[in-house]
Protein backbone atom coordinates (compact mmCIF):
# COMPACT_ATOMS: atom_id res chain seq x y z
CA UNK A 1 2.71 10.62 -27.82
CA UNK A 2 4.73 13.74 -27.22
CA UNK A 3 3.81 15.45 -23.99
CA UNK A 4 4.29 19.13 -23.26
CA UNK A 5 6.82 20.03 -20.55
CA UNK A 6 5.06 20.70 -17.30
CA UNK A 7 5.30 21.17 -13.58
CA UNK A 8 5.93 18.01 -11.57
CA UNK A 9 4.90 17.69 -7.94
CA UNK A 10 6.77 14.93 -6.13
CA UNK A 11 7.18 13.94 -2.49
CA UNK A 12 10.81 13.69 -1.36
CA UNK A 13 12.47 10.56 -0.11
CA UNK A 14 10.51 7.83 -1.83
CA UNK A 15 11.98 5.55 -4.54
CA UNK A 16 14.06 7.84 -6.74
CA UNK A 17 13.96 5.63 -9.85
CA UNK A 18 10.15 5.38 -9.93
CA UNK A 19 9.95 9.15 -9.87
CA UNK A 20 12.86 10.25 -12.04
CA UNK A 21 12.80 7.78 -14.95
CA UNK A 22 9.32 8.89 -16.15
CA UNK A 23 10.37 12.53 -15.77
CA UNK A 24 13.34 11.96 -18.05
CA UNK A 25 11.67 9.64 -20.58
CA UNK A 26 7.94 10.31 -20.80
CA UNK A 27 6.88 13.48 -19.02
CA UNK A 28 9.13 16.45 -19.81
CA UNK A 29 9.88 18.78 -16.94
CA UNK A 30 9.45 22.53 -16.98
CA UNK A 31 9.89 22.70 -13.21
CA UNK A 32 9.77 20.18 -10.34
CA UNK A 33 8.31 20.90 -6.94
CA UNK A 34 9.74 18.61 -4.28
CA UNK A 35 7.56 18.30 -1.20
CA UNK A 36 10.07 17.83 1.58
CA UNK A 37 9.38 17.11 5.24
CA UNK A 38 10.54 19.94 7.45
CA UNK A 39 11.64 17.36 10.01
CA UNK A 40 9.46 18.33 12.96
CA UNK A 41 7.29 15.20 12.91
CA UNK A 42 8.38 11.87 14.33
CA UNK A 43 9.50 9.69 11.48
CA UNK A 44 11.54 6.55 11.18
CA UNK A 45 15.29 6.27 11.93
CA UNK A 46 17.44 7.64 9.11
CA UNK A 47 14.50 9.25 7.33
CA UNK A 48 16.00 12.74 7.17
CA UNK A 49 19.30 11.46 5.78
CA UNK A 50 17.47 9.42 3.12
CA UNK A 51 15.30 12.38 2.11
CA UNK A 52 18.31 14.74 1.97
CA UNK A 53 20.18 12.28 -0.25
CA UNK A 54 17.10 11.98 -2.49
CA UNK A 55 16.76 15.77 -2.82
CA UNK A 56 20.47 16.15 -3.68
CA UNK A 57 20.06 13.59 -6.46
CA UNK A 58 16.97 15.41 -7.78
CA UNK A 59 18.84 18.74 -7.68
CA UNK A 60 21.53 17.30 -9.94
CA UNK A 61 19.01 16.80 -12.76
CA UNK A 62 18.88 19.26 -15.67
CA UNK A 63 15.76 21.19 -14.69
CA UNK A 64 14.58 23.78 -12.19
CA UNK A 65 13.68 22.51 -8.70
CA UNK A 66 11.69 24.25 -5.99
CA UNK A 67 11.72 22.68 -2.54
CA UNK A 68 8.52 23.06 -0.55
CA UNK A 69 9.04 22.30 3.13
CA UNK A 70 5.91 20.99 4.83
CA UNK A 71 4.86 18.40 7.37
CA UNK A 72 4.65 15.32 5.13
CA UNK A 73 2.75 13.53 7.90
CA UNK A 74 -0.06 16.10 7.82
CA UNK A 75 -2.87 15.51 5.32
CA UNK A 76 -3.75 19.21 5.47
CA UNK A 77 -0.18 20.41 4.78
CA UNK A 78 0.27 18.04 1.83
CA UNK A 79 -3.15 18.92 0.41
CA UNK A 80 -2.67 22.68 0.79
CA UNK A 81 0.83 22.67 -0.71
CA UNK A 82 -0.27 20.54 -3.66
CA UNK A 83 -3.37 22.68 -4.22
CA UNK A 84 -1.34 25.90 -4.12
CA UNK A 85 1.17 24.60 -6.66
CA UNK A 86 -1.59 23.36 -8.96
CA UNK A 87 -3.37 26.73 -8.89
CA UNK A 88 -0.12 28.61 -9.59
CA UNK A 89 0.80 26.38 -12.51
CA UNK A 90 -2.75 26.40 -13.91
CA UNK A 91 -2.67 30.20 -13.99
CA UNK A 92 0.60 29.99 -15.92
CA UNK A 93 -1.04 27.57 -18.39
CA UNK A 94 1.36 24.72 -17.66
CA UNK A 95 0.56 21.01 -17.64
CA UNK A 96 0.79 19.53 -14.16
CA UNK A 97 2.08 16.05 -13.35
CA UNK A 98 1.55 14.69 -9.85
CA UNK A 99 3.76 11.72 -9.09
CA UNK A 100 2.43 9.55 -6.31
CA UNK A 101 3.93 6.32 -7.64
CA UNK A 102 5.83 5.51 -4.48
CA UNK A 103 4.36 7.85 -1.87
CA UNK A 104 2.81 6.54 1.35
CA UNK A 105 -1.00 6.35 1.40
CA UNK A 106 -1.56 9.55 3.40
CA UNK A 107 0.54 11.58 0.98
CA UNK A 108 -1.01 9.90 -2.09
CA UNK A 109 -4.57 10.60 -0.97
CA UNK A 110 -3.81 14.20 0.00
CA UNK A 111 -2.14 14.85 -3.37
CA UNK A 112 -4.99 13.20 -5.31
CA UNK A 113 -7.64 15.34 -3.61
């Protein structure tokens, strides 16, 4: 099945291979939105460095990236950012792919709603 290129919404910092391989092989990318923690919430040691490394790897891929800085530990922030992106891309008539394959539960649930 050939899928139409679409907008991907992905949380930053979680298992690069599980996110990127499908984007390159199965779900063509028109644009990728990377939900990135703005770093104001308490996280785990080394989290910011891991997320920055992840984002740099994503930025090296051959498609357009838009970083969306939010509080990834806030259900409301994740939900609102995802909803806003979905509405924007729906208006443009683009398919939307939400990748929660390796996201923590809070982020997964917020993105699914």
